[in-house]
Amino acid sequence: MNYKYTILAVAYKDVTEEVEKKINEFSIRTIDETDDLVSYCTYGRQFDQDSRVCIYLEWYQNNILKYLAEGYKIVLLEIPFNSNEPIVKALEQIDIELGEQVLVIEHDDI
């Protein structure tokens, strides 16, 4: 099967500015409060990144709410599949090194 994107939802808190900058490099949406989950999605002929974000928010809503309640910020990342491997591995390594400070809470290939 051919994939176009790797989608990650990363939860983080109490990290340095440098780590936050790395996490946000491919960010398509930052969620730091429940109001950020409210989206005004419209689907039509144009299925753009905003339309995809609406779908990801729908898929991951329960997990996002759980981590927001625990004081995390959540970032949705959409990484082109042809360049995803080093980025995904780096984020997984940060997850391992920083423990509860950075968590990859969702990972899908679409």
N, C-alpha and C. Protein backbone atom coordinates (compact mmCIF):
# COMPACT_ATOMS: atom_id res chain seq x y z
N MET A 1 0.84 -1.18 0.00
CA MET A 1 0.00 0.00 0.00
C MET A 1 0.88 1.24 0.00
N ASN A 2 0.52 2.22 -0.76
CA ASN A 2 1.26 3.48 -0.80
C ASN A 2 0.66 4.46 0.19
N TYR A 3 1.54 5.09 0.94
CA TYR A 3 1.11 6.09 1.91
C TYR A 3 1.60 7.46 1.45
N LYS A 4 0.85 8.48 1.80
CA LYS A 4 1.21 9.83 1.41
C LYS A 4 1.80 10.62 2.58
N TYR A 5 1.25 10.38 3.80
CA TYR A 5 1.68 11.12 4.98
C TYR A 5 1.82 10.21 6.19
N THR A 6 2.68 10.60 7.08
CA THR A 6 2.70 10.04 8.43
C THR A 6 2.11 11.12 9.33
N ILE A 7 1.12 10.72 10.11
CA ILE A 7 0.46 11.64 11.03
C ILE A 7 0.85 11.25 12.45
N LEU A 8 1.29 12.23 13.21
CA LEU A 8 1.64 12.01 14.60
C LEU A 8 0.92 13.02 15.47
N ALA A 9 0.47 12.58 16.61
CA ALA A 9 0.00 13.49 17.65
C ALA A 9 1.01 13.35 18.78
N VAL A 10 1.63 14.45 19.14
CA VAL A 10 2.67 14.45 20.16
C VAL A 10 2.19 15.33 21.31
N ALA A 11 2.24 14.75 22.52
CA ALA A 11 1.88 15.49 23.73
C ALA A 11 3.18 15.87 24.44
N TYR A 12 3.26 17.11 24.91
CA TYR A 12 4.47 17.52 25.63
C TYR A 12 4.15 18.55 26.70
N LYS A 13 5.00 18.55 27.73
CA LYS A 13 4.92 19.57 28.77
C LYS A 13 6.26 19.65 29.47
N ASP A 14 6.53 20.82 30.03
CA ASP A 14 7.77 21.05 30.78
C ASP A 14 9.02 20.72 29.97
N VAL A 15 9.06 21.19 28.71
CA VAL A 15 10.23 20.96 27.87
C VAL A 15 10.93 22.29 27.59
N THR A 16 12.17 22.21 27.16
CA THR A 16 12.91 23.41 26.82
C THR A 16 12.37 24.00 25.52
N GLU A 17 12.71 25.23 25.29
CA GLU A 17 12.29 25.90 24.05
C GLU A 17 12.85 25.18 22.82
N GLU A 18 14.07 24.67 22.94
CA GLU A 18 14.70 23.96 21.83
C GLU A 18 13.93 22.68 21.49
N VAL A 19 13.52 21.92 22.50
CA VAL A 19 12.76 20.70 22.26
C VAL A 19 11.40 21.04 21.67
N GLU A 20 10.76 22.07 22.19
CA GLU A 20 9.45 22.49 21.67
C GLU A 20 9.56 22.89 20.21
N LYS A 21 10.62 23.58 19.86
CA LYS A 21 10.83 24.01 18.47
C LYS A 21 10.98 22.79 17.55
N LYS A 22 11.73 21.78 17.99
CA LYS A 22 11.89 20.56 17.19
C LYS A 22 10.57 19.83 17.02
N ILE A 23 9.79 19.74 18.08
CA ILE A 23 8.51 19.05 18.02
C ILE A 23 7.57 19.77 17.05
N ASN A 24 7.60 21.08 17.05
CA ASN A 24 6.68 21.88 16.24
C ASN A 24 7.11 22.10 14.79
N GLU A 25 8.24 21.54 14.39
CA GLU A 25 8.78 21.81 13.06
C GLU A 25 7.80 21.45 11.93
N PHE A 26 7.07 20.36 12.07
CA PHE A 26 6.13 19.94 11.04
C PHE A 26 4.69 20.06 11.52
N SER A 27 4.47 20.93 12.47
CA SER A 27 3.15 21.09 13.08
C SER A 27 2.13 21.64 12.08
N ILE A 28 0.95 21.03 12.10
CA ILE A 28 -0.15 21.57 11.31
C ILE A 28 -1.26 22.09 12.22
N ARG A 29 -1.18 21.76 13.50
CA ARG A 29 -2.14 22.29 14.47
C ARG A 29 -1.58 22.09 15.87
N THR A 30 -1.64 23.13 16.69
CA THR A 30 -1.27 23.03 18.09
C THR A 30 -2.54 23.12 18.91
N ILE A 31 -2.65 22.27 19.90
CA ILE A 31 -3.84 22.21 20.75
C ILE A 31 -3.37 22.34 22.18
N ASP A 32 -3.71 23.45 22.82
CA ASP A 32 -3.34 23.60 24.22
C ASP A 32 -4.54 23.86 25.13
N GLU A 33 -5.72 23.84 24.54
CA GLU A 33 -6.96 23.92 25.33
C GLU A 33 -8.08 23.26 24.53
N THR A 34 -9.12 22.89 25.23
CA THR A 34 -10.20 22.14 24.57
C THR A 34 -10.87 22.94 23.46
N ASP A 35 -10.89 24.26 23.56
CA ASP A 35 -11.49 25.08 22.51
C ASP A 35 -10.77 24.91 21.17
N ASP A 36 -9.51 24.49 21.21
CA ASP A 36 -8.76 24.27 19.97
C ASP A 36 -9.27 23.06 19.19
N LEU A 37 -10.06 22.22 19.84
CA LEU A 37 -10.63 21.06 19.16
C LEU A 37 -11.85 21.42 18.33
N VAL A 38 -12.43 22.57 18.64
CA VAL A 38 -13.60 23.02 17.89
C VAL A 38 -13.12 23.48 16.52
N SER A 39 -13.66 22.87 15.52
CA SER A 39 -13.26 23.28 14.17
C SER A 39 -14.50 23.42 13.32
N TYR A 40 -14.39 24.26 12.37
CA TYR A 40 -15.50 24.51 11.46
C TYR A 40 -15.13 23.90 10.13
N CYS A 41 -15.33 22.61 10.06
CA CYS A 41 -14.90 21.85 8.89
C CYS A 41 -15.94 21.88 7.79
N THR A 42 -15.44 22.07 6.63
CA THR A 42 -16.29 21.94 5.45
C THR A 42 -15.53 21.09 4.45
N TYR A 43 -16.22 20.16 3.88
CA TYR A 43 -15.61 19.31 2.88
C TYR A 43 -16.30 19.59 1.55
N GLY A 44 -15.52 19.77 0.57
CA GLY A 44 -16.07 20.03 -0.74
C GLY A 44 -15.13 19.50 -1.79
N ARG A 45 -15.08 20.20 -2.86
CA ARG A 45 -14.21 19.77 -3.95
C ARG A 45 -12.74 19.85 -3.55
N GLN A 46 -12.42 20.82 -2.72
CA GLN A 46 -11.04 20.96 -2.30
C GLN A 46 -10.85 20.23 -0.99
N PHE A 47 -10.02 19.22 -1.01
CA PHE A 47 -9.70 18.47 0.19
C PHE A 47 -8.28 18.84 0.56
N ASP A 48 -8.15 19.94 1.29
CA ASP A 48 -6.84 20.49 1.60
C ASP A 48 -6.39 20.09 3.00
N GLN A 49 -5.30 20.69 3.44
CA GLN A 49 -4.74 20.35 4.74
C GLN A 49 -5.71 20.65 5.87
N ASP A 50 -6.45 21.74 5.80
CA ASP A 50 -7.44 22.05 6.83
C ASP A 50 -8.50 20.96 6.93
N SER A 51 -8.91 20.43 5.80
CA SER A 51 -9.88 19.34 5.80
C SER A 51 -9.29 18.10 6.46
N ARG A 52 -8.03 17.82 6.17
CA ARG A 52 -7.37 16.67 6.78
C ARG A 52 -7.22 16.86 8.28
N VAL A 53 -6.88 18.07 8.72
CA VAL A 53 -6.76 18.35 10.15
C VAL A 53 -8.07 18.04 10.86
N CYS A 54 -9.18 18.42 10.27
CA CYS A 54 -10.49 18.14 10.87
C CYS A 54 -10.69 16.65 11.08
N ILE A 55 -10.26 15.86 10.13
CA ILE A 55 -10.39 14.41 10.24
C ILE A 55 -9.48 13.89 11.36
N TYR A 56 -8.25 14.37 11.41
CA TYR A 56 -7.33 13.91 12.46
C TYR A 56 -7.87 14.27 13.85
N LEU A 57 -8.41 15.48 13.97
CA LEU A 57 -8.97 15.88 15.27
C LEU A 57 -10.12 14.96 15.67
N GLU A 58 -10.90 14.59 14.69
CA GLU A 58 -12.01 13.67 14.96
C GLU A 58 -11.48 12.30 15.40
N TRP A 59 -10.48 11.79 14.72
CA TRP A 59 -9.90 10.49 15.04
C TRP A 59 -9.30 10.47 16.44
N TYR A 60 -8.59 11.53 16.78
CA TYR A 60 -7.77 11.54 17.99
C TYR A 60 -8.39 12.29 19.17
N GLN A 61 -9.61 12.75 19.03
CA GLN A 61 -10.22 13.63 20.02
C GLN A 61 -10.15 13.08 21.45
N ASN A 62 -10.52 11.83 21.64
CA ASN A 62 -10.53 11.28 23.00
C ASN A 62 -9.15 11.27 23.63
N ASN A 63 -8.15 10.86 22.87
CA ASN A 63 -6.79 10.83 23.38
C ASN A 63 -6.27 12.25 23.64
N ILE A 64 -6.58 13.16 22.76
CA ILE A 64 -6.17 14.56 22.95
C ILE A 64 -6.79 15.12 24.23
N LEU A 65 -8.07 14.90 24.43
CA LEU A 65 -8.74 15.39 25.64
C LEU A 65 -8.09 14.82 26.90
N LYS A 66 -7.75 13.56 26.86
CA LYS A 66 -7.11 12.91 28.01
C LYS A 66 -5.81 13.62 28.38
N TYR A 67 -4.97 13.89 27.39
CA TYR A 67 -3.68 14.52 27.67
C TYR A 67 -3.80 16.01 27.97
N LEU A 68 -4.76 16.68 27.39
CA LEU A 68 -5.01 18.09 27.76
C LEU A 68 -5.36 18.18 29.23
N ALA A 69 -6.18 17.26 29.71
CA ALA A 69 -6.60 17.24 31.12
C ALA A 69 -5.40 17.01 32.05
N GLU A 70 -4.36 16.39 31.53
CA GLU A 70 -3.15 16.14 32.32
C GLU A 70 -2.12 17.25 32.18
N GLY A 71 -2.48 18.35 31.49
CA GLY A 71 -1.61 19.51 31.39
C GLY A 71 -0.66 19.53 30.22
N TYR A 72 -0.84 18.65 29.26
CA TYR A 72 0.01 18.61 28.07
C TYR A 72 -0.51 19.55 27.00
N LYS A 73 0.40 19.99 26.14
CA LYS A 73 0.05 20.60 24.86
C LYS A 73 0.14 19.48 23.84
N ILE A 74 -0.68 19.55 22.82
CA ILE A 74 -0.68 18.53 21.78
C ILE A 74 -0.37 19.20 20.45
N VAL A 75 0.45 18.54 19.67
CA VAL A 75 0.78 19.02 18.34
C VAL A 75 0.45 17.91 17.34
N LEU A 76 -0.27 18.29 16.29
CA LEU A 76 -0.49 17.36 15.18
C LEU A 76 0.58 17.63 14.14
N LEU A 77 1.22 16.57 13.69
CA LEU A 77 2.24 16.67 12.68
C LEU A 77 1.82 15.88 11.46
N GLU A 78 2.04 16.46 10.31
CA GLU A 78 1.77 15.77 9.05
C GLU A 78 3.07 15.82 8.26
N ILE A 79 3.69 14.66 8.13
CA ILE A 79 5.01 14.59 7.52
C ILE A 79 4.90 13.83 6.20
N PRO A 80 5.38 14.42 5.12
CA PRO A 80 5.35 13.69 3.84
C PRO A 80 6.04 12.34 3.99
N PHE A 81 5.40 11.30 3.48
CA PHE A 81 5.88 9.94 3.71
C PHE A 81 7.28 9.71 3.17
N ASN A 82 7.66 10.39 2.11
CA ASN A 82 8.98 10.17 1.52
C ASN A 82 10.12 10.70 2.39
N SER A 83 9.81 11.50 3.41
CA SER A 83 10.86 12.03 4.29
C SER A 83 10.57 11.77 5.76
N ASN A 84 9.67 10.84 6.04
CA ASN A 84 9.19 10.70 7.41
C ASN A 84 10.11 9.89 8.32
N GLU A 85 10.85 8.93 7.80
CA GLU A 85 11.57 8.00 8.67
C GLU A 85 12.52 8.68 9.66
N PRO A 86 13.42 9.56 9.22
CA PRO A 86 14.32 10.18 10.20
C PRO A 86 13.56 11.06 11.22
N ILE A 87 12.51 11.70 10.77
CA ILE A 87 11.75 12.58 11.66
C ILE A 87 11.01 11.75 12.71
N VAL A 88 10.35 10.69 12.28
CA VAL A 88 9.62 9.82 13.21
C VAL A 88 10.58 9.19 14.20
N LYS A 89 11.72 8.71 13.73
CA LYS A 89 12.70 8.10 14.64
C LYS A 89 13.22 9.13 15.65
N ALA A 90 13.46 10.35 15.21
CA ALA A 90 13.93 11.40 16.13
C ALA A 90 12.88 11.69 17.20
N LEU A 91 11.62 11.79 16.80
CA LEU A 91 10.57 12.05 17.78
C LEU A 91 10.40 10.88 18.74
N GLU A 92 10.50 9.66 18.24
CA GLU A 92 10.42 8.50 19.12
C GLU A 92 11.59 8.47 20.09
N GLN A 93 12.77 8.90 19.65
CA GLN A 93 13.94 8.96 20.53
C GLN A 93 13.74 10.02 21.61
N ILE A 94 13.20 11.18 21.22
CA ILE A 94 12.90 12.23 22.21
C ILE A 94 11.90 11.69 23.22
N ASP A 95 10.90 10.97 22.74
CA ASP A 95 9.89 10.35 23.61
C ASP A 95 10.58 9.46 24.64
N ILE A 96 11.51 8.62 24.19
CA ILE A 96 12.22 7.70 25.10
C ILE A 96 13.08 8.48 26.09
N GLU A 97 13.85 9.46 25.59
CA GLU A 97 14.78 10.20 26.43
C GLU A 97 14.08 11.06 27.47
N LEU A 98 12.98 11.68 27.10
CA LEU A 98 12.32 12.62 28.01
C LEU A 98 11.16 12.00 28.78
N GLY A 99 10.90 10.75 28.56
CA GLY A 99 9.88 10.06 29.34
C GLY A 99 8.52 10.72 29.25
N GLU A 100 7.97 11.07 30.38
CA GLU A 100 6.63 11.62 30.46
C GLU A 100 6.52 13.06 29.95
N GLN A 101 7.64 13.71 29.64
CA GLN A 101 7.60 15.08 29.14
C GLN A 101 7.15 15.15 27.68
N VAL A 102 7.50 14.14 26.89
CA VAL A 102 7.15 14.09 25.48
C VAL A 102 6.63 12.69 25.17
N LEU A 103 5.40 12.63 24.65
CA LEU A 103 4.78 11.35 24.34
C LEU A 103 4.20 11.37 22.93
N VAL A 104 4.54 10.39 22.12
CA VAL A 104 3.90 10.21 20.84
C VAL A 104 2.62 9.43 21.14
N ILE A 105 1.46 10.12 21.08
CA ILE A 105 0.22 9.49 21.52
C ILE A 105 -0.59 8.90 20.38
N GLU A 106 -0.30 9.29 19.16
CA GLU A 106 -0.97 8.73 17.98
C GLU A 106 0.04 8.67 16.85
N HIS A 107 -0.10 7.65 15.99
CA HIS A 107 0.80 7.51 14.84
C HIS A 107 0.04 6.73 13.78
N ASP A 108 -0.19 7.36 12.65
CA ASP A 108 -0.89 6.72 11.53
C ASP A 108 -0.17 7.06 10.23
N ASP A 109 -0.22 6.13 9.32
CA ASP A 109 0.25 6.37 7.96
C ASP A 109 -0.97 6.37 7.05
N ILE A 110 -1.12 7.44 6.30
CA ILE A 110 -2.28 7.52 5.41
C ILE A 110 -1.83 7.81 3.98
